[in-house]
Amino acid sequence: MPTINALMIIQLCVLMAAFPAQYLLAQWYRTDSIQGLQVIERLISYWNNFRWSYLSLKPWARYLKNQVVKMRNWYNEGEEFSHAYFAEPTRVRSPRPEFVQFNVGMVIIHKQLGFSGVIIGWDVEARGPEEWLKQKYPPEKQHLRKSPHYRILVNKYNKIGLSTAYIPEENLKVITGHEVFHPDLKVYFSTYDGVRYIMQPWLKQIYPDD
């Protein structure tokens, strides 16, 4: 017994549709020639629309892509991005809480260690693996754990051995007129206006209120 595949099913549907189509054409051809041509043109238009919408790969690929995006957004919302640590850009951060003082693109300096950098993301409180959080924030530092945290591209000329850092708000101070040099800077920002770095479009979509 031959195997029935999708192509055979489509061909069978086309053949079955041919009989009523043939009858309708016969009825329409009883009208004058101009009306008959108009009917044929409409049929061709309907067929082209159907073919483009359902038999072409591009619409189906676009549909599947949209579904994947919807499923990913649903997953992130359902899981509350439980595996997104250290201000990774995994979902839109909007609306922006008023208690988050600093914006993405601001240049900062670490109050105690003295290194400079630029903010590329923030969390409303520290987000990281639980073991890391326990080690970083013992009971006497829980107030820091609950404060906003910022992901920083560290200025390479500081030579502190760090490319990025994840710092609580209390330890940061904003500065202006100071450029940051980092190999990944262009991934996140387009230009520096003397006060802050201007986000690339993809990053602006994640932090629309910054």
Protein backbone atom coordinates (compact mmCIF):
# COMPACT_ATOMS: atom_id res chain seq x y z
CA MET A 1 0.00 0.00 0.00
CA PRO A 2 1.57 3.38 -1.03
CA THR A 3 2.48 5.85 1.70
CA ILE A 4 0.29 8.93 1.86
CA ASN A 5 2.27 12.12 2.34
CA ALA A 6 1.41 15.81 2.49
CA LEU A 7 2.01 16.39 -1.23
CA MET A 8 -0.43 13.62 -2.19
CA ILE A 9 -3.08 15.08 0.12
CA ILE A 10 -2.67 18.54 -1.47
CA GLN A 11 -2.92 17.05 -4.98
CA LEU A 12 -6.07 15.16 -3.99
CA CYS A 13 -7.65 18.35 -2.61
CA VAL A 14 -6.84 20.20 -5.84
CA LEU A 15 -8.43 17.44 -7.92
CA MET A 16 -11.55 17.41 -5.76
CA ALA A 17 -11.83 21.17 -6.05
CA ALA A 18 -11.53 20.96 -9.84
CA PHE A 19 -15.04 19.48 -10.30
CA PRO A 20 -17.04 22.28 -8.63
CA ALA A 21 -14.68 24.81 -10.23
CA GLN A 22 -15.36 23.33 -13.65
CA TYR A 23 -19.09 23.56 -13.07
CA LEU A 24 -18.89 27.19 -11.92
CA LEU A 25 -16.77 28.11 -14.93
CA ALA A 26 -19.33 26.52 -17.22
CA GLN A 27 -22.08 28.57 -15.61
CA TRP A 28 -20.07 31.79 -15.78
CA TYR A 29 -19.19 31.26 -19.43
CA ARG A 30 -22.89 31.54 -20.26
CA THR A 31 -22.57 35.26 -19.51
CA ASP A 32 -20.94 37.67 -21.92
CA SER A 33 -17.20 37.49 -22.59
CA ILE A 34 -16.29 40.55 -20.47
CA GLN A 35 -17.94 39.12 -17.35
CA GLY A 36 -16.31 35.78 -18.04
CA LEU A 37 -12.87 37.37 -18.17
CA GLN A 38 -13.55 39.23 -14.95
CA VAL A 39 -14.54 35.99 -13.26
CA ILE A 40 -11.38 34.27 -14.48
CA GLU A 41 -9.24 37.17 -13.26
CA ARG A 42 -10.87 36.93 -9.83
CA LEU A 43 -10.24 33.20 -9.70
CA ILE A 44 -6.60 33.69 -10.64
CA SER A 45 -6.28 36.36 -7.95
CA TYR A 46 -7.87 34.08 -5.32
CA TRP A 47 -5.58 31.26 -6.34
CA ASN A 48 -2.46 33.45 -6.15
CA ASN A 49 -3.46 34.70 -2.70
CA PHE A 50 -4.12 31.17 -1.52
CA ARG A 51 -0.85 29.93 -2.96
CA TRP A 52 1.15 32.75 -1.33
CA SER A 53 -0.58 32.38 2.03
CA TYR A 54 -0.62 28.61 2.41
CA LEU A 55 1.59 26.89 -0.18
CA SER A 56 4.68 29.10 0.04
CA LEU A 57 7.44 28.43 2.56
CA LYS A 58 8.01 32.08 3.53
CA PRO A 59 4.60 32.68 5.22
CA TRP A 60 4.88 29.42 7.13
CA ALA A 61 8.44 30.27 8.20
CA ARG A 62 7.26 33.69 9.36
CA TYR A 63 4.36 32.12 11.25
CA LEU A 64 6.62 29.58 12.97
CA LYS A 65 9.09 32.32 13.90
CA ASN A 66 6.30 34.36 15.52
CA GLN A 67 5.12 31.32 17.43
CA VAL A 68 8.63 30.64 18.71
CA VAL A 69 8.92 34.24 19.91
CA LYS A 70 5.54 33.99 21.66
CA MET A 71 6.52 30.72 23.32
CA ARG A 72 9.85 32.18 24.44
CA ASN A 73 8.12 35.23 25.93
CA TRP A 74 5.56 33.00 27.62
CA TYR A 75 8.33 30.82 29.03
CA ASN A 76 10.26 33.81 30.36
CA GLU A 77 7.15 35.25 31.99
CA GLY A 78 6.09 31.92 33.44
CA GLU A 79 9.52 31.17 34.86
CA GLU A 80 10.15 34.84 35.81
CA PHE A 81 13.56 34.48 34.12
CA SER A 82 14.76 32.36 37.05
CA HIS A 83 18.02 31.54 35.24
CA ALA A 84 18.78 35.13 34.16
CA TYR A 85 21.64 36.14 36.41
CA PHE A 86 23.74 39.29 36.75
CA ALA A 87 21.40 41.59 34.77
CA GLU A 88 21.51 39.52 31.60
CA PRO A 89 19.28 41.17 28.94
CA THR A 90 16.59 38.48 28.71
CA ARG A 91 13.36 40.46 28.92
CA VAL A 92 12.00 44.00 28.73
CA ARG A 93 12.56 46.03 31.90
CA SER A 94 9.53 48.29 31.90
CA PRO A 95 8.09 50.11 33.73
CA ARG A 96 11.26 51.28 35.41
CA PRO A 97 11.07 51.35 39.26
CA GLU A 98 11.70 54.79 40.72
CA PHE A 99 14.20 53.45 43.26
CA VAL A 100 16.57 52.31 40.48
CA GLN A 101 18.67 55.48 40.39
CA PHE A 102 21.10 54.86 37.53
CA ASN A 103 20.38 54.29 33.83
CA VAL A 104 21.93 52.04 31.21
CA GLY A 105 24.62 54.04 29.41
CA MET A 106 25.75 56.06 32.43
CA VAL A 107 29.46 56.08 33.19
CA ILE A 108 30.27 55.21 36.79
CA ILE A 109 33.19 54.88 39.15
CA HIS A 110 33.45 52.38 42.00
CA LYS A 111 33.59 54.34 45.26
CA GLN A 112 35.93 51.95 47.05
CA LEU A 113 37.98 50.30 44.28
CA GLY A 114 38.22 53.31 41.98
CA PHE A 115 37.67 51.61 38.62
CA SER A 116 35.40 53.13 35.99
CA GLY A 117 32.94 51.55 33.60
CA VAL A 118 29.61 51.92 31.85
CA ILE A 119 26.27 50.40 32.91
CA ILE A 120 24.86 47.83 30.46
CA GLY A 121 22.02 46.45 32.61
CA TRP A 122 20.35 46.44 36.00
CA ASP A 123 18.32 44.26 38.37
CA VAL A 124 16.00 45.56 41.07
CA GLU A 125 17.96 43.36 43.49
CA ALA A 126 20.89 40.98 43.24
CA ARG A 127 20.17 38.01 41.00
CA GLY A 128 22.67 35.17 40.87
CA PRO A 129 23.16 31.54 41.83
CA GLU A 130 22.11 31.07 45.43
CA GLU A 131 25.53 29.83 46.54
CA TRP A 132 27.17 32.92 45.04
CA LEU A 133 24.64 35.20 46.74
CA LYS A 134 25.20 33.57 50.14
CA GLN A 135 28.95 33.95 49.82
CA LYS A 136 28.78 37.52 48.54
CA TYR A 137 26.12 38.72 50.97
CA PRO A 138 26.24 37.20 54.45
CA PRO A 139 23.47 38.15 56.90
CA GLU A 140 25.06 41.47 57.86
CA LYS A 141 25.06 42.56 54.16
CA GLN A 142 21.52 41.55 53.25
CA HIS A 143 20.59 45.20 52.75
CA LEU A 144 23.04 45.30 49.83
CA ARG A 145 21.61 42.12 48.34
CA LYS A 146 18.14 43.69 48.28
CA SER A 147 19.32 46.90 46.62
CA PRO A 148 19.48 47.52 42.83
CA HIS A 149 22.49 45.94 41.10
CA TYR A 150 24.18 47.01 37.89
CA ARG A 151 26.12 45.11 35.25
CA ILE A 152 29.20 47.09 34.27
CA LEU A 153 31.61 46.99 31.34
CA VAL A 154 34.87 47.75 33.12
CA ASN A 155 37.25 50.23 31.49
CA LYS A 156 40.15 48.12 30.22
CA TYR A 157 42.68 50.78 31.19
CA ASN A 158 41.88 50.28 34.87
CA LYS A 159 43.78 46.97 34.68
CA ILE A 160 41.99 45.35 37.60
CA GLY A 161 41.64 41.96 35.89
CA LEU A 162 37.87 42.28 35.34
CA SER A 163 36.05 42.64 32.03
CA THR A 164 32.61 43.00 33.62
CA ALA A 165 31.37 43.53 37.16
CA TYR A 166 28.09 43.24 39.03
CA ILE A 167 27.90 45.97 41.64
CA PRO A 168 25.28 47.14 44.17
CA GLU A 169 24.01 50.69 43.75
CA GLU A 170 25.51 51.88 47.04
CA ASN A 171 29.06 51.36 45.72
CA LEU A 172 28.66 53.39 42.51
CA LYS A 173 28.95 57.05 41.63
CA VAL A 174 28.03 58.58 38.27
CA ILE A 175 30.64 60.65 36.44
CA THR A 176 30.54 62.61 33.16
CA GLY A 177 33.08 63.59 30.54
CA HIS A 178 34.87 60.27 30.92
CA GLU A 179 35.03 57.73 28.07
CA VAL A 180 35.21 53.99 28.65
CA PHE A 181 37.32 51.65 26.53
CA HIS A 182 36.19 48.05 26.24
CA PRO A 183 36.29 45.56 23.32
CA ASP A 184 32.51 44.94 23.57
CA LEU A 185 31.47 48.57 23.84
CA LYS A 186 30.07 48.80 20.28
CA VAL A 187 27.86 45.77 20.92
CA TYR A 188 25.86 47.77 23.48
CA PHE A 189 26.30 51.41 22.46
CA SER A 190 26.59 53.49 19.30
CA THR A 191 28.12 56.76 20.53
CA TYR A 192 29.13 58.75 23.60
CA ASP A 193 27.60 62.24 23.94
CA GLY A 194 29.87 63.44 26.73
CA VAL A 195 27.35 62.56 29.45
CA ARG A 196 26.27 59.01 28.68
CA TYR A 197 26.53 56.28 26.08
CA ILE A 198 23.68 55.93 23.57
CA MET A 199 22.20 52.43 23.51
CA GLN A 200 22.07 50.28 20.42
CA PRO A 201 18.44 49.71 19.23
CA TRP A 202 18.31 46.12 20.55
CA LEU A 203 19.36 47.25 24.04
CA LYS A 204 16.96 50.21 23.98
CA GLN A 205 14.10 47.76 23.38
CA ILE A 206 15.01 45.98 26.61
CA TYR A 207 15.44 49.20 28.63
CA PRO A 208 12.92 51.55 26.96
CA ASP A 209 12.58 53.82 30.03
CA ASP A 210 16.30 54.39 30.57
